[in-house]
C-alpha cells in the first residue's frame, strides 16, 4: 500500500484499488487536494474503508502495545468502573473463524487471555455479532475509526489504532457479571423501598382508624359529658381536619355508628 504522497503522479503510480482491484490514477496538482481516482471513472466507493482496515490490521500485527478501554467490573463484591489499561499483545492471526461464525478482524493474545479486535470504519458491530462473541466466550474490543480522516498518514493511523481512537468492549465476562450484580442490587433496593412504603402505609391506616374511633367515641359523650376529641394537629396530619367542626342545623334524634368516620343523624 502507498500513500498519495509516496507515489508518482498519474498512472505511473502503479496502484490498484484495494477494494475492487481496478487501476488507480494518482491525481496530484496545485489546484486539487491530492487523491486517488479510478482510471476508468467507475468509483467503487470501498477503497478508503478497505485501506483503513488493512492498515489497522498491519498496525496491530507489528505493534505489541494496545490500549484497552475502561469497563465495569467487581471489586470486593461492589460494582466499579475499572480504568483502561495498556497491554502487550501477541499477534496470532489476521482473521479467525470457527463453527460459530465468529470472524473478527484480528485475533491477538494478551497476558492470560485471548482477544478479538474489531475495526469499525463505516459500520459498528451489530447485536447479532455481539451475541455470537458472547456465545463464543472470547473477550472482544472494537476500535472506532469512523472519524479518522481518509488521508491520514501511517503514523496517524497507528496512533489512532493503538491509543487515541474511541474504543469500547463488545464482550467481557466481568462486564456481564458486574451488570448482573447491578441488576440484583437494584431489585433488592426496590423490594426494600416497597416494603418500607407498605409498612408506612399500614401504620398510617392504623393511626387513621384509631383517630376515627376516638372521634366517634367523643361524639357518643354529647349528652352532658365531657367530650374527648383527638388533637387537631393529628386530625390534620391524617387528612380529617377539614371534616371536623362543621356547623349544621338541628339536633340529632339519635346517634348511630358512623360510616367511614362520619356520624349519621
Protein backbone atom coordinates (compact mmCIF):
# COMPACT_ATOMS: atom_id res chain seq x y z
CA UNK A 1 0.00 0.00 0.00
CA UNK A 2 1.16 3.50 -0.75
CA UNK A 3 0.07 6.93 0.48
CA UNK A 4 -0.75 9.52 -2.18
CA UNK A 5 2.34 11.45 -1.08
CA UNK A 6 4.58 8.43 -1.64
CA UNK A 7 3.75 7.60 -5.29
CA UNK A 8 4.29 9.15 -8.68
CA UNK A 9 1.65 11.21 -10.43
CA UNK A 10 -0.90 9.68 -12.80
CA UNK A 11 -0.95 6.06 -13.94
CA UNK A 12 2.77 5.91 -13.22
CA UNK A 13 1.87 5.38 -9.57
CA UNK A 14 1.24 1.74 -10.44
CA UNK A 15 -1.54 1.42 -7.87
CA UNK A 16 -4.70 -0.65 -7.79
CA UNK A 17 -7.83 -0.18 -5.70
CA UNK A 18 -7.67 -2.46 -2.63
CA UNK A 19 -11.44 -2.92 -2.75
CA UNK A 20 -12.23 -3.70 -6.40
CA UNK A 21 -8.76 -4.21 -7.86
CA UNK A 22 -9.22 -1.57 -10.55
CA UNK A 23 -6.32 0.56 -11.78
CA UNK A 24 -5.90 3.86 -9.98
CA UNK A 25 -4.62 7.27 -11.05
CA UNK A 26 -2.71 9.45 -8.60
CA UNK A 27 -4.15 12.93 -9.09
CA UNK A 28 -1.63 15.36 -7.73
CA UNK A 29 -1.56 19.04 -8.66
CA UNK A 30 -1.52 22.57 -7.35
CA UNK A 31 -5.28 23.15 -7.59
CA UNK A 32 -6.75 19.92 -6.16
CA UNK A 33 -6.17 18.03 -2.96
CA UNK A 34 -4.01 15.02 -3.91
CA UNK A 35 -6.10 11.87 -4.14
CA UNK A 36 -6.50 8.57 -5.97
CA UNK A 37 -9.14 8.05 -8.64
CA UNK A 38 -10.23 5.07 -10.72
CA UNK A 39 -8.72 5.15 -14.17
CA UNK A 40 -11.95 4.03 -15.85
CA UNK A 41 -14.05 6.61 -13.99
CA UNK A 42 -16.07 3.98 -12.15
CA UNK A 43 -15.86 4.67 -8.41
CA UNK A 44 -16.43 1.58 -6.25
CA UNK A 45 -16.58 3.60 -3.01
CA UNK A 46 -14.94 0.94 -0.86
CA UNK A 47 -11.30 1.84 -1.26
CA UNK A 48 -10.82 4.17 1.73
CA UNK A 49 -12.62 1.79 4.12
CA UNK A 50 -10.65 -1.21 2.90
CA UNK A 51 -7.36 0.67 3.22
CA UNK A 52 -8.11 1.70 6.81
CA UNK A 53 -8.99 -1.89 7.68
CA UNK A 54 -5.79 -3.20 6.14
CA UNK A 55 -3.57 -0.55 7.73
CA UNK A 56 -5.21 -1.04 11.12
CA UNK A 57 -4.53 -4.77 10.89
CA UNK A 58 -0.94 -4.08 9.88
CA UNK A 59 -0.53 -1.78 12.89
CA UNK A 60 -1.81 -4.39 15.32
CA UNK A 61 0.28 -7.08 13.67
CA UNK A 62 3.52 -5.15 14.07
CA UNK A 63 2.93 -3.16 17.31
CA UNK A 64 2.52 -5.09 20.56
CA UNK A 65 1.16 -2.25 22.76
CA UNK A 66 -2.61 -1.74 22.67
CA UNK A 67 -4.77 0.48 24.87
CA UNK A 68 -7.88 -1.32 26.13
CA UNK A 69 -10.92 0.80 27.16
CA UNK A 70 -12.30 1.23 30.65
CA UNK A 71 -15.05 -1.13 31.73
CA UNK A 72 -17.40 -2.14 34.51
CA UNK A 73 -16.12 -4.74 36.94
CA UNK A 74 -16.37 -6.03 40.51
CA UNK A 75 -14.12 -5.06 43.40
CA UNK A 76 -14.79 -6.89 46.69
CA UNK A 77 -18.35 -7.52 45.55
CA UNK A 78 -19.00 -3.91 44.55
CA UNK A 79 -19.66 -2.69 41.01
CA UNK A 80 -16.89 -0.28 39.96
CA UNK A 81 -15.57 1.34 36.78
CA UNK A 82 -12.10 -0.01 36.07
CA UNK A 83 -9.77 2.29 34.12
CA UNK A 84 -8.41 1.47 30.70
CA UNK A 85 -5.05 -0.22 30.54
CA UNK A 86 -2.29 -0.71 28.05
CA UNK A 87 -1.44 -4.34 27.36
CA UNK A 88 1.23 -6.10 25.38
CA UNK A 89 -0.36 -8.28 22.72
CA UNK A 90 0.92 -11.15 20.67
CA UNK A 91 -0.39 -11.34 17.12
CA UNK A 92 -1.97 -14.70 16.30
CA UNK A 93 -3.86 -14.42 13.03
CA UNK A 94 -5.23 -11.73 10.73
CA UNK A 95 -8.65 -13.38 10.80
CA UNK A 96 -10.11 -16.14 12.91
CA UNK A 97 -13.08 -18.33 12.01
CA UNK A 98 -14.90 -21.15 13.75
CA UNK A 99 -18.24 -23.02 13.52
CA UNK A 100 -19.98 -20.26 15.49
CA UNK A 101 -19.40 -17.86 12.57
CA UNK A 102 -17.17 -15.56 14.58
CA UNK A 103 -14.94 -13.69 12.11
CA UNK A 104 -13.11 -10.87 13.93
CA UNK A 105 -10.74 -8.54 12.14
CA UNK A 106 -7.85 -9.57 14.36
CA UNK A 107 -7.06 -12.30 16.82
CA UNK A 108 -4.39 -11.48 19.41
CA UNK A 109 -3.28 -12.75 22.78
CA UNK A 110 -2.90 -10.50 25.80
CA UNK A 111 -1.41 -11.65 29.12
CA UNK A 112 -3.57 -14.51 30.33
CA UNK A 113 -6.34 -14.36 27.73
CA UNK A 114 -7.16 -14.23 24.02
CA UNK A 115 -8.69 -11.14 22.49
CA UNK A 116 -10.70 -10.38 19.36
CA UNK A 117 -10.21 -6.91 17.88
CA UNK A 118 -12.81 -5.38 15.57
CA UNK A 119 -12.05 -2.30 13.45
CA UNK A 120 -15.12 -0.15 12.71
CA UNK A 121 -14.80 2.26 9.78
CA UNK A 122 -18.33 2.68 8.43
CA UNK A 123 -20.33 0.05 10.34
CA UNK A 124 -20.12 -0.77 14.03
CA UNK A 125 -20.79 -4.29 15.28
CA UNK A 126 -24.50 -5.13 15.46
CA UNK A 127 -26.34 -7.07 18.18
CA UNK A 128 -26.10 -10.34 16.23
CA UNK A 129 -22.31 -10.11 16.03
CA UNK A 130 -22.02 -9.18 19.70
CA UNK A 131 -24.23 -12.11 20.72
CA UNK A 132 -22.02 -14.51 18.75
CA UNK A 133 -18.97 -13.15 20.53
CA UNK A 134 -20.70 -13.64 23.88
CA UNK A 135 -21.58 -17.22 22.98
CA UNK A 136 -18.01 -17.87 21.88
CA UNK A 137 -16.67 -16.61 25.21
CA UNK A 138 -13.62 -14.72 23.88
CA UNK A 139 -13.25 -11.11 25.02
CA UNK A 140 -13.66 -8.59 22.21
CA UNK A 141 -12.99 -4.89 21.79
CA UNK A 142 -13.95 -2.54 18.95
CA UNK A 143 -11.83 0.38 17.72
CA UNK A 144 -13.81 3.17 16.03
CA UNK A 145 -12.01 4.72 13.05
CA UNK A 146 -15.12 6.30 11.52
CA UNK A 147 -13.93 9.85 12.33
CA UNK A 148 -10.38 9.27 11.14
CA UNK A 149 -9.59 11.40 8.03
CA UNK A 150 -9.28 9.24 4.93
CA UNK A 151 -5.98 10.90 4.01
CA UNK A 152 -4.35 10.10 7.36
CA UNK A 153 -0.71 9.10 7.34
CA UNK A 154 0.50 5.73 8.54
CA UNK A 155 1.70 7.35 11.76
CA UNK A 156 -1.70 8.93 12.40
CA UNK A 157 -3.46 5.62 11.74
CA UNK A 158 -1.06 3.80 14.05
CA UNK A 159 -1.67 6.30 16.84
CA UNK A 160 -5.45 6.08 16.38
CA UNK A 161 -5.48 2.27 16.41
CA UNK A 162 -3.15 1.83 19.37
CA UNK A 163 -4.12 4.79 21.54
CA UNK A 164 -6.28 7.72 20.54
CA UNK A 165 -9.32 6.41 18.61
CA UNK A 166 -12.53 5.74 20.59
CA UNK A 167 -12.85 2.11 21.65
CA UNK A 168 -15.31 0.01 23.57
CA UNK A 169 -15.79 -3.51 24.83
CA UNK A 170 -18.10 -5.68 22.77
CA UNK A 171 -17.85 -8.52 25.24
CA UNK A 172 -16.10 -9.08 28.56
CA UNK A 173 -17.31 -11.62 31.13
CA UNK A 174 -16.52 -9.27 34.01
CA UNK A 175 -18.82 -6.64 32.48
CA UNK A 176 -21.63 -9.20 32.32
CA UNK A 177 -21.04 -10.17 35.96
CA UNK A 178 -20.98 -6.52 37.04
CA UNK A 179 -24.23 -5.78 35.18
CA UNK A 180 -25.87 -8.85 36.75
CA UNK A 181 -24.76 -7.67 40.21
CA UNK A 182 -26.04 -4.16 39.48
CA UNK A 183 -29.45 -5.51 38.41
CA UNK A 184 -29.63 -7.72 41.53
CA UNK A 185 -28.74 -4.75 43.76
CA UNK A 186 -31.39 -2.61 42.06
CA UNK A 187 -34.01 -5.33 42.53
CA UNK A 188 -33.09 -5.72 46.20
CA UNK A 189 -33.23 -1.96 46.77
CA UNK A 190 -36.61 -1.74 45.04
CA UNK A 191 -38.00 -4.55 47.23
CA UNK A 192 -36.73 -2.77 50.34
CA UNK A 193 -38.35 0.50 49.28
CA UNK A 194 -41.66 -1.22 48.56
CA UNK A 195 -41.63 -2.90 51.98
CA UNK A 196 -40.84 0.40 53.71
CA UNK A 197 -43.71 2.08 51.90
CA UNK A 198 -46.09 -0.79 52.73
CA UNK A 199 -45.11 -0.61 56.42
CA UNK A 200 -45.57 3.15 56.45
CA UNK A 201 -48.96 2.86 54.75
CA UNK A 202 -50.08 0.22 57.27
CA UNK A 203 -49.03 2.43 60.20
CA UNK A 204 -50.77 5.39 58.64
CA UNK A 205 -54.01 3.47 58.12
CA UNK A 206 -53.90 2.15 61.70
CA UNK A 207 -53.43 5.66 63.06
CA UNK A 208 -56.32 6.95 60.93
CA UNK A 209 -58.52 4.17 62.28
CA UNK A 210 -57.53 4.97 65.87
CA UNK A 211 -58.29 8.65 65.40
CA UNK A 212 -61.61 7.85 63.74
CA UNK A 213 -62.62 5.56 66.62
CA UNK A 214 -61.59 8.21 69.16
CA UNK A 215 -63.68 10.80 67.34
CA UNK A 216 -66.73 8.53 67.25
CA UNK A 217 -66.36 7.77 70.93
CA UNK A 218 -66.20 11.51 71.67
CA UNK A 219 -69.44 12.07 69.79
CA UNK A 220 -71.12 9.46 71.98
CA UNK A 221 -70.44 11.68 75.02
CA UNK A 222 -72.53 14.60 73.77
CA UNK A 223 -75.23 14.00 76.44
CA UNK A 224 -73.74 16.33 79.04
CA UNK A 225 -70.44 14.57 79.36
CA UNK A 226 -67.01 15.94 78.70
CA UNK A 227 -66.05 15.39 75.08
CA UNK A 228 -62.63 13.99 74.37
CA UNK A 229 -61.64 14.95 70.85
CA UNK A 230 -58.35 13.91 69.20
CA UNK A 231 -55.75 16.63 68.89
CA UNK A 232 -56.33 18.97 65.95
CA UNK A 233 -52.79 18.50 64.70
CA UNK A 234 -53.23 14.74 64.46
CA UNK A 235 -56.53 15.10 62.62
CA UNK A 236 -54.92 17.43 60.10
CA UNK A 237 -51.97 15.05 59.73
CA UNK A 238 -54.23 12.23 58.54
CA UNK A 239 -56.41 14.48 56.40
CA UNK A 240 -59.51 14.64 58.69
CA UNK A 241 -59.07 18.23 59.83
CA UNK A 242 -61.39 19.82 57.22
CA UNK A 243 -64.22 17.45 58.25
CA UNK A 244 -64.23 18.42 61.95
CA UNK A 245 -66.18 21.34 63.46
CA UNK A 246 -68.63 21.85 60.62
CA UNK A 247 -71.81 23.59 61.87
CA UNK A 248 -75.15 22.05 60.89
CA UNK A 249 -78.73 22.99 61.72
CA UNK A 250 -80.95 20.98 64.05
CA UNK A 251 -80.30 18.41 66.72
CA UNK A 252 -79.85 14.70 66.20
CA UNK A 253 -82.70 12.48 67.24
CA UNK A 254 -80.28 9.67 67.92
CA UNK A 255 -76.71 8.74 67.26
CA UNK A 256 -75.83 5.67 65.28
CA UNK A 257 -72.49 4.14 64.40
CA UNK A 258 -70.98 6.30 61.65
CA UNK A 259 -69.80 5.02 58.29
CA UNK A 260 -66.32 5.93 57.20
CA UNK A 261 -65.75 8.02 60.30
CA UNK A 262 -68.75 10.38 59.75
CA UNK A 263 -71.76 10.32 62.11
CA UNK A 264 -75.24 9.60 60.81
CA UNK A 265 -78.16 11.60 62.16
